[in-house]
Amino acid sequence: MIASLRGLLLDRDPEGEAVIEAGGVGYRVTVNPGTLADLPEVGETAFVHIHHHMREDHQQLYGFPTADERRCFESLISAHGVGPALAMAVLATHPPLSLRQAVATDDVDALCLVPGVGKKTAQRLVLELKNKLDVPDLGASPAPGEPTPSAGDALGDVRDALASMGFTGSEIAHAMSDLAGDDVSALLREALRRLAVSA
């Protein structure tokens, strides 16, 4: 079972595949667009954490920049009806912190930003992932005693506002990746600031 790869980056395909040579063997590794962009130039040394996905008639390597992201991927594919492709799509939209936040606050709308995830699938994911991910208790943060529903409602309002402004699902997910609180105006200002910086 392959757990990680360190070696020469031989190729990077814009469709989401990298070829890393280790010990004289070239390994084809499926990665998310963000991970692909963060890899070094072809000819330089690359390192990724690996999930070695094995089936009776197929083997595939999935690469991640951190062990935590790999753990999230493995939690996702253990959920009912979630295969590797959908798990990769979830993590492309929601990195680990954002995913845990969405699950902790029952933020179904956030998961619906993932291509191919409808409301029923998102609701099921929230229920299943609460038992599989190390979900933080966001109800007491940032202010002790702050109720989780209000934080979730505030984030939902910010998401709706950004969507009405024409931002894409991936842009919204990036802007809201670690936002927390119940002040809609403050959260929206911070999200717009992040979008302006990344533009």
C-alpha atoms as a PDB file:
ATOM      1  CA  MET A   1       0.000   0.000   0.000  1.00  0.00           C
ATOM      2  CA  ILE A   2       1.506   3.332  -1.086  1.00  0.00           C
ATOM      3  CA  ALA A   3       1.181   6.107   1.535  1.00  0.00           C
ATOM      4  CA  SER A   4       3.298   8.861  -0.007  1.00  0.00           C
ATOM      5  CA  LEU A   5       5.479   9.647  -2.995  1.00  0.00           C
ATOM      6  CA  ARG A   6       8.583  11.772  -3.266  1.00  0.00           C
ATOM      7  CA  GLY A   7      10.346  11.969  -6.592  1.00  0.00           C
ATOM      8  CA  LEU A   8      10.920  13.726  -9.890  1.00  0.00           C
ATOM      9  CA  LEU A   9       7.858  15.367 -11.411  1.00  0.00           C
ATOM     10  CA  LEU A  10       7.829  14.066 -14.997  1.00  0.00           C
ATOM     11  CA  ASP A  11       4.537  15.503 -16.202  1.00  0.00           C
ATOM     12  CA  ARG A  12       1.485  17.453 -15.106  1.00  0.00           C
ATOM     13  CA  ASP A  13      -1.764  17.177 -17.023  1.00  0.00           C
ATOM     14  CA  PRO A  14      -4.206  20.121 -16.762  1.00  0.00           C
ATOM     15  CA  GLU A  15      -6.995  17.562 -16.450  1.00  0.00           C
ATOM     16  CA  GLY A  16      -5.705  16.653 -12.977  1.00  0.00           C
ATOM     17  CA  GLU A  17      -2.982  14.043 -13.273  1.00  0.00           C
ATOM     18  CA  ALA A  18       0.691  14.198 -12.333  1.00  0.00           C
ATOM     19  CA  VAL A  19       3.418  11.670 -13.100  1.00  0.00           C
ATOM     20  CA  ILE A  20       6.004  11.315 -10.333  1.00  0.00           C
ATOM     21  CA  GLU A  21       9.049   9.095 -10.738  1.00  0.00           C
ATOM     22  CA  ALA A  22      10.273   7.383  -7.579  1.00  0.00           C
ATOM     23  CA  GLY A  23      12.860   4.602  -7.565  1.00  0.00           C
ATOM     24  CA  GLY A  24      12.915   4.488 -11.348  1.00  0.00           C
ATOM     25  CA  VAL A  25       9.134   3.966 -11.603  1.00  0.00           C
ATOM     26  CA  GLY A  26       6.730   6.616 -12.867  1.00  0.00           C
ATOM     27  CA  TYR A  27       3.483   6.789 -10.889  1.00  0.00           C
ATOM     28  CA  ARG A  28       0.320   8.375 -12.299  1.00  0.00           C
ATOM     29  CA  VAL A  29      -1.367  10.345  -9.524  1.00  0.00           C
ATOM     30  CA  THR A  30      -4.792  12.002  -9.683  1.00  0.00           C
ATOM     31  CA  VAL A  31      -4.835  15.376  -7.904  1.00  0.00           C
ATOM     32  CA  ASN A  32      -7.158  18.348  -7.473  1.00  0.00           C
ATOM     33  CA  PRO A  33      -6.586  21.534  -9.526  1.00  0.00           C
ATOM     34  CA  GLY A  34      -5.266  23.340  -6.448  1.00  0.00           C
ATOM     35  CA  THR A  35      -2.769  20.594  -5.664  1.00  0.00           C
ATOM     36  CA  LEU A  36      -1.710  20.459  -9.308  1.00  0.00           C
ATOM     37  CA  ALA A  37      -1.069  24.213  -9.324  1.00  0.00           C
ATOM     38  CA  ASP A  38       1.031  23.953  -6.150  1.00  0.00           C
ATOM     39  CA  LEU A  39       3.307  21.226  -7.503  1.00  0.00           C
ATOM     40  CA  PRO A  40       6.821  22.310  -8.513  1.00  0.00           C
ATOM     41  CA  GLU A  41       7.948  22.682 -12.102  1.00  0.00           C
ATOM     42  CA  VAL A  42       8.455  19.576 -14.235  1.00  0.00           C
ATOM     43  CA  GLY A  43      11.916  18.206 -13.504  1.00  0.00           C
ATOM     44  CA  GLU A  44      11.862  19.207  -9.849  1.00  0.00           C
ATOM     45  CA  THR A  45      11.180  17.074  -6.767  1.00  0.00           C
ATOM     46  CA  ALA A  46       7.546  16.703  -5.755  1.00  0.00           C
ATOM     47  CA  PHE A  47       5.958  15.198  -2.653  1.00  0.00           C
ATOM     48  CA  VAL A  48       2.342  14.121  -2.120  1.00  0.00           C
ATOM     49  CA  HIS A  49       0.463  12.038   0.417  1.00  0.00           C
ATOM     50  CA  ILE A  50      -1.192   9.113  -1.336  1.00  0.00           C
ATOM     51  CA  HIS A  51      -4.426   7.209  -1.061  1.00  0.00           C
ATOM     52  CA  HIS A  52      -3.953   3.925  -2.921  1.00  0.00           C
ATOM     53  CA  HIS A  53      -7.446   3.079  -4.142  1.00  0.00           C
ATOM     54  CA  MET A  54      -7.761  -0.603  -4.961  1.00  0.00           C
ATOM     55  CA  ARG A  55     -10.592  -2.493  -6.612  1.00  0.00           C
ATOM     56  CA  GLU A  56     -10.664  -5.986  -8.121  1.00  0.00           C
ATOM     57  CA  ASP A  57     -10.094  -4.686 -11.643  1.00  0.00           C
ATOM     58  CA  HIS A  58      -8.544  -1.275 -11.039  1.00  0.00           C
ATOM     59  CA  GLN A  59      -5.962   0.601  -8.989  1.00  0.00           C
ATOM     60  CA  GLN A  60      -5.613   4.363  -8.776  1.00  0.00           C
ATOM     61  CA  LEU A  61      -3.385   6.722  -6.808  1.00  0.00           C
ATOM     62  CA  TYR A  62      -4.862   9.960  -5.413  1.00  0.00           C
ATOM     63  CA  GLY A  63      -2.451  12.630  -4.223  1.00  0.00           C
ATOM     64  CA  PHE A  64      -2.878  15.282  -1.520  1.00  0.00           C
ATOM     65  CA  PRO A  65      -0.681  18.080  -0.178  1.00  0.00           C
ATOM     66  CA  THR A  66      -1.354  17.137   3.470  1.00  0.00           C
ATOM     67  CA  ALA A  67      -2.128  13.989   5.429  1.00  0.00           C
ATOM     68  CA  ASP A  68      -5.211  15.733   6.815  1.00  0.00           C
ATOM     69  CA  GLU A  69      -6.662  16.218   3.332  1.00  0.00           C
ATOM     70  CA  ARG A  70      -6.023  12.541   2.606  1.00  0.00           C
ATOM     71  CA  ARG A  71      -7.880  11.613   5.801  1.00  0.00           C
ATOM     72  CA  CYS A  72     -10.827  13.763   4.728  1.00  0.00           C
ATOM     73  CA  PHE A  73     -10.831  12.046   1.334  1.00  0.00           C
ATOM     74  CA  GLU A  74     -10.879   8.638   3.008  1.00  0.00           C
ATOM     75  CA  SER A  75     -13.746   9.716   5.270  1.00  0.00           C
ATOM     76  CA  LEU A  76     -15.682  10.941   2.241  1.00  0.00           C
ATOM     77  CA  ILE A  77     -15.302   7.737   0.227  1.00  0.00           C
ATOM     78  CA  SER A  78     -16.436   5.725   3.245  1.00  0.00           C
ATOM     79  CA  ALA A  79     -19.762   7.571   3.115  1.00  0.00           C
ATOM     80  CA  HIS A  80     -22.649   5.879   1.314  1.00  0.00           C
ATOM     81  CA  GLY A  81     -22.716   6.603  -2.416  1.00  0.00           C
ATOM     82  CA  VAL A  82     -19.510   8.669  -2.504  1.00  0.00           C
ATOM     83  CA  GLY A  83     -16.813   7.504  -4.891  1.00  0.00           C
ATOM     84  CA  PRO A  84     -13.314   8.911  -5.394  1.00  0.00           C
ATOM     85  CA  ALA A  85     -14.378  11.350  -8.143  1.00  0.00           C
ATOM     86  CA  LEU A  86     -17.057  12.953  -5.984  1.00  0.00           C
ATOM     87  CA  ALA A  87     -14.754  13.011  -2.948  1.00  0.00           C
ATOM     88  CA  MET A  88     -12.136  14.853  -5.012  1.00  0.00           C
ATOM     89  CA  ALA A  89     -14.793  17.321  -6.187  1.00  0.00           C
ATOM     90  CA  VAL A  90     -15.822  17.973  -2.576  1.00  0.00           C
ATOM     91  CA  LEU A  91     -12.233  18.693  -1.534  1.00  0.00           C
ATOM     92  CA  ALA A  92     -11.637  20.851  -4.610  1.00  0.00           C
ATOM     93  CA  THR A  93     -14.483  23.069  -3.394  1.00  0.00           C
ATOM     94  CA  HIS A  94     -14.006  22.696   0.359  1.00  0.00           C
ATOM     95  CA  PRO A  95     -10.538  22.120   1.821  1.00  0.00           C
ATOM     96  CA  PRO A  96     -10.521  20.276   5.172  1.00  0.00           C
ATOM     97  CA  LEU A  97     -11.209  23.277   7.423  1.00  0.00           C
ATOM     98  CA  SER A  98     -14.087  24.481   5.257  1.00  0.00           C
ATOM     99  CA  LEU A  99     -15.523  20.963   5.011  1.00  0.00           C
ATOM    100  CA  ARG A 100     -15.444  20.466   8.774  1.00  0.00           C
ATOM    101  CA  GLN A 101     -17.037  23.859   9.307  1.00  0.00           C
ATOM    102  CA  ALA A 102     -19.860  23.024   6.886  1.00  0.00           C
ATOM    103  CA  VAL A 103     -20.490  19.694   8.612  1.00  0.00           C
ATOM    104  CA  ALA A 104     -20.306  21.173  12.126  1.00  0.00           C
ATOM    105  CA  THR A 105     -22.853  23.900  11.294  1.00  0.00           C
ATOM    106  CA  ASP A 106     -25.159  21.647   9.212  1.00  0.00           C
ATOM    107  CA  ASP A 107     -24.439  23.923   6.257  1.00  0.00           C
ATOM    108  CA  VAL A 108     -26.108  21.887   3.525  1.00  0.00           C
ATOM    109  CA  ASP A 109     -26.006  24.820   1.084  1.00  0.00           C
ATOM    110  CA  ALA A 110     -22.203  24.907   1.284  1.00  0.00           C
ATOM    111  CA  LEU A 111     -21.983  21.276   0.180  1.00  0.00           C
ATOM    112  CA  CYS A 112     -24.459  21.992  -2.623  1.00  0.00           C
ATOM    113  CA  LEU A 113     -21.769  24.235  -4.143  1.00  0.00           C
ATOM    114  CA  VAL A 114     -19.927  21.042  -5.123  1.00  0.00           C
ATOM    115  CA  PRO A 115     -20.693  20.038  -8.730  1.00  0.00           C
ATOM    116  CA  GLY A 116     -22.859  16.918  -8.693  1.00  0.00           C
ATOM    117  CA  VAL A 117     -24.061  17.318  -5.103  1.00  0.00           C
ATOM    118  CA  GLY A 118     -27.768  17.986  -4.647  1.00  0.00           C
ATOM    119  CA  LYS A 119     -29.606  18.810  -1.453  1.00  0.00           C
ATOM    120  CA  LYS A 120     -30.406  15.205  -0.506  1.00  0.00           C
ATOM    121  CA  THR A 121     -26.811  14.091  -1.034  1.00  0.00           C
ATOM    122  CA  ALA A 122     -25.554  17.082   0.947  1.00  0.00           C
ATOM    123  CA  GLN A 123     -27.910  16.312   3.838  1.00  0.00           C
ATOM    124  CA  ARG A 124     -26.756  12.705   3.889  1.00  0.00           C
ATOM    125  CA  LEU A 125     -23.098  13.777   3.818  1.00  0.00           C
ATOM    126  CA  VAL A 126     -23.590  16.105   6.778  1.00  0.00           C
ATOM    127  CA  LEU A 127     -25.126  13.278   8.820  1.00  0.00           C
ATOM    128  CA  GLU A 128     -22.519  10.681   7.891  1.00  0.00           C
ATOM    129  CA  LEU A 129     -19.460  12.901   8.115  1.00  0.00           C
ATOM    130  CA  LYS A 130     -20.242  14.046  11.641  1.00  0.00           C
ATOM    131  CA  ASN A 131     -19.299  10.531  12.732  1.00  0.00           C
ATOM    132  CA  LYS A 132     -16.291  10.240  10.425  1.00  0.00           C
ATOM    133  CA  LEU A 133     -14.533  13.624  10.527  1.00  0.00           C
ATOM    134  CA  ASP A 134     -12.884  15.283  13.510  1.00  0.00           C
ATOM    135  CA  VAL A 135     -15.543  17.996  13.551  1.00  0.00           C
ATOM    136  CA  PRO A 136     -14.852  20.968  15.842  1.00  0.00           C
ATOM    137  CA  ASP A 137     -17.450  22.340  18.231  1.00  0.00           C
ATOM    138  CA  LEU A 138     -18.129  25.616  16.482  1.00  0.00           C
ATOM    139  CA  GLY A 139     -21.117  26.383  18.664  1.00  0.00           C
ATOM    140  CA  ALA A 140     -18.817  27.850  21.323  1.00  0.00           C
ATOM    141  CA  SER A 141     -16.537  29.765  18.972  1.00  0.00           C
ATOM    142  CA  PRO A 142     -15.613  32.509  18.603  1.00  0.00           C
ATOM    143  CA  ALA A 143     -17.793  33.682  21.532  1.00  0.00           C
ATOM    144  CA  PRO A 144     -18.574  31.260  24.371  1.00  0.00           C
ATOM    145  CA  GLY A 145     -22.199  30.186  24.253  1.00  0.00           C
ATOM    146  CA  GLU A 146     -22.822  31.463  20.742  1.00  0.00           C
ATOM    147  CA  PRO A 147     -25.451  29.165  19.185  1.00  0.00           C
ATOM    148  CA  THR A 148     -24.425  27.224  16.108  1.00  0.00           C
ATOM    149  CA  PRO A 149     -27.624  27.910  14.130  1.00  0.00           C
ATOM    150  CA  SER A 150     -27.028  31.683  14.112  1.00  0.00           C
ATOM    151  CA  ALA A 151     -23.503  31.200  12.792  1.00  0.00           C
ATOM    152  CA  GLY A 152     -24.803  28.846  10.126  1.00  0.00           C
ATOM    153  CA  ASP A 153     -27.575  31.284   9.175  1.00  0.00           C
ATOM    154  CA  ALA A 154     -25.082  34.141   8.900  1.00  0.00           C
ATOM    155  CA  LEU A 155     -22.806  32.126   6.647  1.00  0.00           C
ATOM    156  CA  GLY A 156     -25.784  31.153   4.527  1.00  0.00           C
ATOM    157  CA  ASP A 157     -26.754  34.809   4.153  1.00  0.00           C
ATOM    158  CA  VAL A 158     -23.217  35.705   3.088  1.00  0.00           C
ATOM    159  CA  ARG A 159     -23.152  32.852   0.588  1.00  0.00           C
ATOM    160  CA  ASP A 160     -26.488  33.951  -0.887  1.00  0.00           C
ATOM    161  CA  ALA A 161     -25.250  37.530  -1.161  1.00  0.00           C
ATOM    162  CA  LEU A 162     -22.073  36.484  -2.987  1.00  0.00           C
ATOM    163  CA  ALA A 163     -24.038  34.240  -5.330  1.00  0.00           C
ATOM    164  CA  SER A 164     -26.404  37.113  -6.152  1.00  0.00           C
ATOM    165  CA  MET A 165     -23.344  39.198  -7.043  1.00  0.00           C
ATOM    166  CA  GLY A 166     -22.400  36.621  -9.674  1.00  0.00           C
ATOM    167  CA  PHE A 167     -19.483  34.881  -7.965  1.00  0.00           C
ATOM    168  CA  THR A 168     -18.956  31.210  -8.855  1.00  0.00           C
ATOM    169  CA  GLY A 169     -19.241  28.325  -6.419  1.00  0.00           C
ATOM    170  CA  SER A 170     -15.462  27.863  -6.233  1.00  0.00           C
ATOM    171  CA  GLU A 171     -14.918  31.607  -5.642  1.00  0.00           C
ATOM    172  CA  ILE A 172     -17.499  31.590  -2.859  1.00  0.00           C
ATOM    173  CA  ALA A 173     -15.964  28.491  -1.251  1.00  0.00           C
ATOM    174  CA  HIS A 174     -12.508  30.114  -1.363  1.00  0.00           C
ATOM    175  CA  ALA A 175     -13.752  33.371   0.152  1.00  0.00           C
ATOM    176  CA  MET A 176     -15.587  31.555   2.949  1.00  0.00           C
ATOM    177  CA  SER A 177     -13.068  28.791   3.637  1.00  0.00           C
ATOM    178  CA  ASP A 178     -12.593  29.670   7.329  1.00  0.00           C
ATOM    179  CA  LEU A 179     -15.092  32.418   8.079  1.00  0.00           C
ATOM    180  CA  ALA A 180     -16.836  32.196  11.447  1.00  0.00           C
ATOM    181  CA  GLY A 181     -19.187  34.412  13.398  1.00  0.00           C
ATOM    182  CA  ASP A 182     -22.737  35.742  13.250  1.00  0.00           C
ATOM    183  CA  ASP A 183     -22.223  39.320  11.994  1.00  0.00           C
ATOM    184  CA  VAL A 184     -23.361  39.124   8.371  1.00  0.00           C
ATOM    185  CA  SER A 185     -21.981  42.546   7.413  1.00  0.00           C
ATOM    186  CA  ALA A 186     -18.544  41.816   8.847  1.00  0.00           C
ATOM    187  CA  LEU A 187     -18.433  38.377   7.257  1.00  0.00           C
ATOM    188  CA  LEU A 188     -19.482  39.758   3.865  1.00  0.00           C
ATOM    189  CA  ARG A 189     -16.846  42.509   4.008  1.00  0.00           C
ATOM    190  CA  GLU A 190     -14.150  39.947   4.786  1.00  0.00           C
ATOM    191  CA  ALA A 191     -15.307  37.620   2.003  1.00  0.00           C
ATOM    192  CA  LEU A 192     -15.293  40.470  -0.530  1.00  0.00           C
ATOM    193  CA  ARG A 193     -11.838  41.536   0.658  1.00  0.00           C
ATOM    194  CA  ARG A 194     -10.513  38.037   0.023  1.00  0.00           C
ATOM    195  CA  LEU A 195     -12.098  37.929  -3.413  1.00  0.00           C
ATOM    196  CA  ALA A 196     -10.537  41.282  -4.282  1.00  0.00           C
ATOM    197  CA  VAL A 197      -7.091  40.098  -3.137  1.00  0.00           C
ATOM    198  CA  SER A 198      -7.305  36.878  -5.148  1.00  0.00           C
ATOM    199  CA  ALA A 199      -8.579  38.580  -8.310  1.00  0.00           C
END
